[in-house]
């Protein structure tokens, strides 16, 4: 098993250093769910299809190179609330060894 350590700041402002597997094809939204860092039914509502923005997060670490946003991700963020320059959809960030030390903050709930 190959894990990385990342920091996720939940919607209450609490920082959680968690292990994220890189060998299971998981994305950030799934890691948040796995560690129960957001109430059930408030993150990943669309199942990770970039169709709801419930997994929007702010990437706080600047040293990580993330994949370019897809058209679907850009389109969803254009319609989302609380969007910042560093907003990404967690379902579009796959866990890889290069993301060791990643730090993100969950965006506020839109409803």
N, C-alpha and C. Protein backbone atom coordinates (compact mmCIF):
# COMPACT_ATOMS: atom_id res chain seq x y z
N UNK A 1 0.84 -1.18 0.00
CA UNK A 1 0.00 0.00 0.00
C UNK A 1 0.88 1.24 0.00
N UNK A 2 0.51 2.22 -0.78
CA UNK A 2 1.29 3.44 -0.91
C UNK A 2 0.42 4.63 -0.51
N UNK A 3 0.74 5.22 0.63
CA UNK A 3 -0.06 6.34 1.14
C UNK A 3 0.75 7.63 1.12
N UNK A 4 0.03 8.73 1.00
CA UNK A 4 0.61 10.05 1.18
C UNK A 4 -0.12 10.70 2.35
N UNK A 5 0.48 11.72 2.93
CA UNK A 5 -0.17 12.48 3.99
C UNK A 5 -0.57 13.83 3.42
N UNK A 6 -1.84 14.16 3.59
CA UNK A 6 -2.36 15.45 3.15
C UNK A 6 -3.09 16.11 4.31
N UNK A 7 -3.30 17.42 4.22
CA UNK A 7 -4.06 18.14 5.24
C UNK A 7 -5.35 18.65 4.61
N UNK A 8 -6.45 18.34 5.27
CA UNK A 8 -7.77 18.79 4.83
C UNK A 8 -8.37 19.61 5.96
N UNK A 9 -8.71 20.85 5.65
CA UNK A 9 -9.38 21.72 6.62
C UNK A 9 -10.88 21.60 6.37
N UNK A 10 -11.61 21.15 7.38
CA UNK A 10 -13.04 20.93 7.20
C UNK A 10 -13.80 22.26 7.20
N UNK A 11 -15.09 22.19 7.04
CA UNK A 11 -15.93 23.40 6.92
C UNK A 11 -16.06 24.17 8.23
N UNK A 12 -15.62 23.57 9.34
CA UNK A 12 -15.61 24.27 10.63
C UNK A 12 -14.25 24.89 10.91
N UNK A 13 -13.29 24.69 10.01
CA UNK A 13 -11.96 25.26 10.17
C UNK A 13 -10.96 24.38 10.89
N UNK A 14 -11.32 23.13 11.15
CA UNK A 14 -10.42 22.19 11.82
C UNK A 14 -9.53 21.49 10.81
N UNK A 15 -8.23 21.49 11.05
CA UNK A 15 -7.27 20.84 10.15
C UNK A 15 -7.11 19.37 10.53
N UNK A 16 -7.10 18.51 9.53
CA UNK A 16 -6.95 17.07 9.72
C UNK A 16 -5.82 16.59 8.82
N UNK A 17 -4.77 16.03 9.42
CA UNK A 17 -3.71 15.37 8.64
C UNK A 17 -4.16 13.93 8.46
N UNK A 18 -4.35 13.54 7.21
CA UNK A 18 -4.89 12.20 6.94
C UNK A 18 -4.00 11.47 5.94
N UNK A 19 -4.12 10.16 5.98
CA UNK A 19 -3.44 9.31 5.01
C UNK A 19 -4.38 9.12 3.82
N UNK A 20 -3.80 9.23 2.63
CA UNK A 20 -4.58 9.05 1.40
C UNK A 20 -3.86 8.01 0.54
N UNK A 21 -4.54 6.91 0.21
CA UNK A 21 -3.90 5.89 -0.61
C UNK A 21 -3.71 6.37 -2.05
N UNK A 22 -2.56 6.05 -2.62
CA UNK A 22 -2.31 6.42 -4.02
C UNK A 22 -2.45 5.23 -4.95
N UNK A 23 -2.68 4.06 -4.39
CA UNK A 23 -2.76 2.85 -5.22
C UNK A 23 -4.18 2.32 -5.38
N UNK A 24 -5.18 3.16 -5.07
CA UNK A 24 -6.57 2.72 -5.16
C UNK A 24 -7.39 3.57 -6.13
N UNK A 25 -6.72 4.44 -6.90
CA UNK A 25 -7.39 5.31 -7.87
C UNK A 25 -8.46 6.18 -7.20
N UNK A 26 -8.17 6.68 -5.99
CA UNK A 26 -9.10 7.53 -5.26
C UNK A 26 -8.86 9.00 -5.61
N UNK A 27 -9.91 9.78 -5.46
CA UNK A 27 -9.77 11.23 -5.62
C UNK A 27 -9.97 11.90 -4.26
N UNK A 28 -9.73 13.19 -4.22
CA UNK A 28 -9.80 13.93 -2.95
C UNK A 28 -11.18 13.85 -2.32
N UNK A 29 -12.23 13.94 -3.11
CA UNK A 29 -13.59 13.85 -2.57
C UNK A 29 -13.79 12.52 -1.85
N UNK A 30 -13.27 11.44 -2.43
CA UNK A 30 -13.42 10.12 -1.80
C UNK A 30 -12.61 10.03 -0.51
N UNK A 31 -11.47 10.69 -0.47
CA UNK A 31 -10.66 10.71 0.75
C UNK A 31 -11.40 11.45 1.86
N UNK A 32 -12.03 12.57 1.52
CA UNK A 32 -12.83 13.32 2.50
C UNK A 32 -13.94 12.43 3.05
N UNK A 33 -14.61 11.71 2.18
CA UNK A 33 -15.68 10.82 2.62
C UNK A 33 -15.14 9.68 3.47
N UNK A 34 -14.01 9.11 3.04
CA UNK A 34 -13.42 7.98 3.76
C UNK A 34 -13.10 8.36 5.21
N UNK A 35 -12.61 9.58 5.40
CA UNK A 35 -12.24 10.04 6.75
C UNK A 35 -13.39 10.78 7.45
N UNK A 36 -14.57 10.81 6.83
CA UNK A 36 -15.77 11.42 7.39
C UNK A 36 -15.53 12.86 7.83
N UNK A 37 -14.95 13.67 6.92
CA UNK A 37 -14.63 15.06 7.24
C UNK A 37 -15.72 16.03 6.80
N UNK A 38 -16.80 15.53 6.27
CA UNK A 38 -17.98 16.33 5.93
C UNK A 38 -19.21 15.47 6.24
N UNK A 39 -20.28 16.11 6.70
CA UNK A 39 -21.49 15.33 7.02
C UNK A 39 -21.99 14.53 5.82
N UNK A 40 -22.48 13.36 6.09
CA UNK A 40 -23.04 12.49 5.05
C UNK A 40 -24.04 13.26 4.19
N UNK A 41 -23.94 13.10 2.90
CA UNK A 41 -24.87 13.74 1.97
C UNK A 41 -24.54 15.19 1.64
N UNK A 42 -23.38 15.69 2.09
CA UNK A 42 -23.03 17.09 1.81
C UNK A 42 -21.83 17.21 0.89
N UNK A 43 -21.21 16.11 0.52
CA UNK A 43 -20.05 16.16 -0.37
C UNK A 43 -20.11 14.98 -1.33
N UNK A 44 -19.84 15.26 -2.59
CA UNK A 44 -19.87 14.20 -3.59
C UNK A 44 -21.27 13.74 -3.93
N UNK A 45 -22.20 14.66 -3.93
CA UNK A 45 -23.60 14.33 -4.16
C UNK A 45 -23.81 13.67 -5.52
N UNK A 46 -23.05 14.11 -6.54
CA UNK A 46 -23.20 13.55 -7.89
C UNK A 46 -22.39 12.28 -8.07
N UNK A 47 -21.67 11.86 -7.05
CA UNK A 47 -20.87 10.65 -7.15
C UNK A 47 -19.52 10.85 -7.80
N UNK A 48 -19.08 12.08 -7.91
CA UNK A 48 -17.76 12.35 -8.47
C UNK A 48 -17.75 12.56 -9.97
N UNK A 49 -18.86 13.02 -10.52
CA UNK A 49 -18.96 13.21 -11.96
C UNK A 49 -18.77 14.66 -12.40
N UNK A 50 -18.31 15.54 -11.51
CA UNK A 50 -18.13 16.97 -11.79
C UNK A 50 -19.44 17.62 -12.22
N UNK A 51 -20.52 17.25 -11.53
CA UNK A 51 -21.84 17.76 -11.90
C UNK A 51 -22.56 18.49 -10.77
N UNK A 52 -21.90 18.71 -9.60
CA UNK A 52 -22.65 19.34 -8.52
C UNK A 52 -21.84 20.37 -7.72
N UNK A 53 -20.54 20.32 -7.74
CA UNK A 53 -19.65 21.23 -7.00
C UNK A 53 -19.76 21.10 -5.48
N UNK A 54 -20.39 20.04 -4.98
CA UNK A 54 -20.47 19.87 -3.52
C UNK A 54 -19.11 19.52 -2.93
N UNK A 55 -18.15 19.12 -3.75
CA UNK A 55 -16.82 18.78 -3.27
C UNK A 55 -15.81 19.89 -3.54
N UNK A 56 -16.31 21.10 -3.82
CA UNK A 56 -15.40 22.22 -4.09
C UNK A 56 -14.47 22.44 -2.90
N UNK A 57 -13.22 22.67 -3.22
CA UNK A 57 -12.23 22.95 -2.18
C UNK A 57 -11.28 24.03 -2.68
N UNK A 58 -10.54 24.59 -1.75
CA UNK A 58 -9.53 25.60 -2.06
C UNK A 58 -8.17 24.95 -1.86
N UNK A 59 -7.35 24.96 -2.89
CA UNK A 59 -6.01 24.40 -2.80
C UNK A 59 -5.12 25.46 -2.17
N UNK A 60 -4.61 25.16 -0.98
CA UNK A 60 -3.82 26.13 -0.22
C UNK A 60 -2.32 26.00 -0.47
N UNK A 61 -1.86 24.80 -0.79
CA UNK A 61 -0.43 24.62 -1.05
C UNK A 61 -0.14 24.99 -2.50
N UNK A 62 0.93 25.73 -2.69
CA UNK A 62 1.24 26.24 -4.03
C UNK A 62 2.28 25.42 -4.76
N UNK A 63 2.95 24.51 -4.06
CA UNK A 63 4.04 23.76 -4.69
C UNK A 63 3.58 22.54 -5.48
N UNK A 64 2.29 22.22 -5.42
CA UNK A 64 1.79 21.04 -6.12
C UNK A 64 1.25 21.42 -7.49
N UNK A 65 1.64 20.63 -8.48
CA UNK A 65 1.14 20.82 -9.83
C UNK A 65 -0.07 19.89 -10.01
N UNK A 66 -1.22 20.51 -10.20
CA UNK A 66 -2.45 19.74 -10.40
C UNK A 66 -2.76 19.68 -11.89
N UNK A 67 -3.51 18.66 -12.30
CA UNK A 67 -3.91 18.60 -13.71
C UNK A 67 -4.75 19.82 -14.08
N UNK A 68 -4.70 20.21 -15.34
CA UNK A 68 -5.53 21.31 -15.81
C UNK A 68 -7.00 20.99 -15.58
N UNK A 69 -7.79 22.03 -15.35
CA UNK A 69 -9.23 21.83 -15.18
C UNK A 69 -9.84 21.41 -16.51
N UNK A 70 -10.71 20.43 -16.45
CA UNK A 70 -11.43 20.00 -17.65
C UNK A 70 -12.54 21.02 -17.94
N UNK A 71 -13.10 20.93 -19.12
CA UNK A 71 -14.22 21.80 -19.47
C UNK A 71 -15.35 21.62 -18.46
N UNK A 72 -15.63 20.37 -18.09
CA UNK A 72 -16.73 20.08 -17.15
C UNK A 72 -16.47 20.71 -15.79
N UNK A 73 -15.23 20.65 -15.33
CA UNK A 73 -14.90 21.24 -14.03
C UNK A 73 -15.02 22.76 -14.09
N UNK A 74 -14.48 23.37 -15.14
CA UNK A 74 -14.60 24.83 -15.32
C UNK A 74 -16.06 25.25 -15.35
N UNK A 75 -16.87 24.51 -16.10
CA UNK A 75 -18.29 24.82 -16.23
C UNK A 75 -19.00 24.73 -14.89
N UNK A 76 -18.69 23.71 -14.12
CA UNK A 76 -19.34 23.55 -12.81
C UNK A 76 -18.91 24.66 -11.86
N UNK A 77 -17.62 25.01 -11.86
CA UNK A 77 -17.15 26.08 -10.98
C UNK A 77 -17.75 27.43 -11.38
N UNK A 78 -18.04 27.61 -12.67
CA UNK A 78 -18.69 28.86 -13.11
C UNK A 78 -20.07 29.02 -12.50
N UNK A 79 -20.70 27.91 -12.13
CA UNK A 79 -22.05 27.94 -11.57
C UNK A 79 -22.08 27.81 -10.05
N UNK A 80 -20.94 27.55 -9.45
CA UNK A 80 -20.89 27.27 -8.01
C UNK A 80 -20.85 28.55 -7.18
N UNK A 81 -21.13 28.41 -5.89
CA UNK A 81 -21.03 29.49 -4.93
C UNK A 81 -19.65 29.49 -4.29
N UNK A 82 -19.24 30.61 -3.75
CA UNK A 82 -18.00 30.75 -2.97
C UNK A 82 -16.73 30.37 -3.75
N UNK A 83 -16.73 30.57 -5.06
CA UNK A 83 -15.58 30.21 -5.90
C UNK A 83 -14.46 31.23 -5.72
N UNK A 84 -13.25 30.72 -5.57
CA UNK A 84 -12.03 31.54 -5.45
C UNK A 84 -11.08 31.15 -6.59
N UNK A 85 -10.00 31.90 -6.74
CA UNK A 85 -9.02 31.59 -7.79
C UNK A 85 -8.41 30.21 -7.61
N UNK A 86 -8.33 29.72 -6.37
CA UNK A 86 -7.73 28.42 -6.09
C UNK A 86 -8.76 27.31 -5.92
N UNK A 87 -9.99 27.54 -6.38
CA UNK A 87 -11.05 26.53 -6.26
C UNK A 87 -10.82 25.39 -7.24
N UNK A 88 -11.06 24.19 -6.74
CA UNK A 88 -11.05 22.99 -7.58
C UNK A 88 -12.16 22.08 -7.07
N UNK A 89 -12.57 21.14 -7.90
CA UNK A 89 -13.49 20.10 -7.48
C UNK A 89 -12.67 18.93 -6.98
N UNK A 90 -12.93 18.52 -5.75
CA UNK A 90 -12.17 17.42 -5.17
C UNK A 90 -12.27 16.13 -5.96
N UNK A 91 -13.39 15.93 -6.62
CA UNK A 91 -13.57 14.70 -7.40
C UNK A 91 -12.66 14.66 -8.63
N UNK A 92 -12.06 15.77 -8.97
CA UNK A 92 -11.19 15.85 -10.14
C UNK A 92 -9.70 15.83 -9.78
N UNK A 93 -9.39 15.66 -8.49
CA UNK A 93 -7.99 15.60 -8.05
C UNK A 93 -7.69 14.18 -7.59
N UNK A 94 -7.04 13.42 -8.44
CA UNK A 94 -6.67 12.04 -8.11
C UNK A 94 -5.46 12.03 -7.19
N UNK A 95 -5.49 11.11 -6.24
CA UNK A 95 -4.40 10.99 -5.28
C UNK A 95 -3.20 10.31 -5.95
N UNK A 96 -2.09 11.04 -6.01
CA UNK A 96 -0.85 10.53 -6.57
C UNK A 96 0.28 10.84 -5.60
N UNK A 97 1.39 10.15 -5.75
CA UNK A 97 2.54 10.36 -4.86
C UNK A 97 3.02 11.81 -4.91
N UNK A 98 2.86 12.47 -6.04
CA UNK A 98 3.30 13.87 -6.19
C UNK A 98 2.52 14.83 -5.31
N UNK A 99 1.39 14.40 -4.78
CA UNK A 99 0.56 15.28 -3.94
C UNK A 99 0.87 15.15 -2.45
N UNK A 100 1.97 14.47 -2.11
CA UNK A 100 2.41 14.39 -0.72
C UNK A 100 2.47 15.81 -0.14
N UNK A 101 1.83 16.02 1.02
CA UNK A 101 1.83 17.32 1.68
C UNK A 101 0.78 18.29 1.18
N UNK A 102 -0.07 17.88 0.26
CA UNK A 102 -1.13 18.75 -0.25
C UNK A 102 -1.96 19.31 0.91
N UNK A 103 -2.35 20.56 0.80
CA UNK A 103 -3.22 21.17 1.81
C UNK A 103 -4.40 21.83 1.11
N UNK A 104 -5.59 21.44 1.52
CA UNK A 104 -6.82 21.99 0.95
C UNK A 104 -7.79 22.36 2.06
N UNK A 105 -8.71 23.23 1.71
CA UNK A 105 -9.79 23.62 2.63
C UNK A 105 -11.11 23.39 1.89
N UNK A 106 -12.04 22.74 2.56
CA UNK A 106 -13.36 22.51 1.95
C UNK A 106 -14.11 23.84 1.86
N UNK A 107 -14.72 24.09 0.71
CA UNK A 107 -15.52 25.29 0.54
C UNK A 107 -16.80 25.17 1.35
N UNK A 108 -17.38 26.30 1.75
CA UNK A 108 -18.65 26.24 2.49
C UNK A 108 -19.74 25.55 1.66
N UNK A 109 -20.69 24.97 2.37
CA UNK A 109 -21.83 24.37 1.68
C UNK A 109 -22.61 25.46 0.98
N UNK A 110 -23.14 25.15 -0.21
CA UNK A 110 -23.86 26.17 -0.97
C UNK A 110 -25.31 26.29 -0.58
N UNK A 111 -25.83 25.31 0.19
CA UNK A 111 -27.24 25.39 0.58
C UNK A 111 -27.40 25.61 2.06
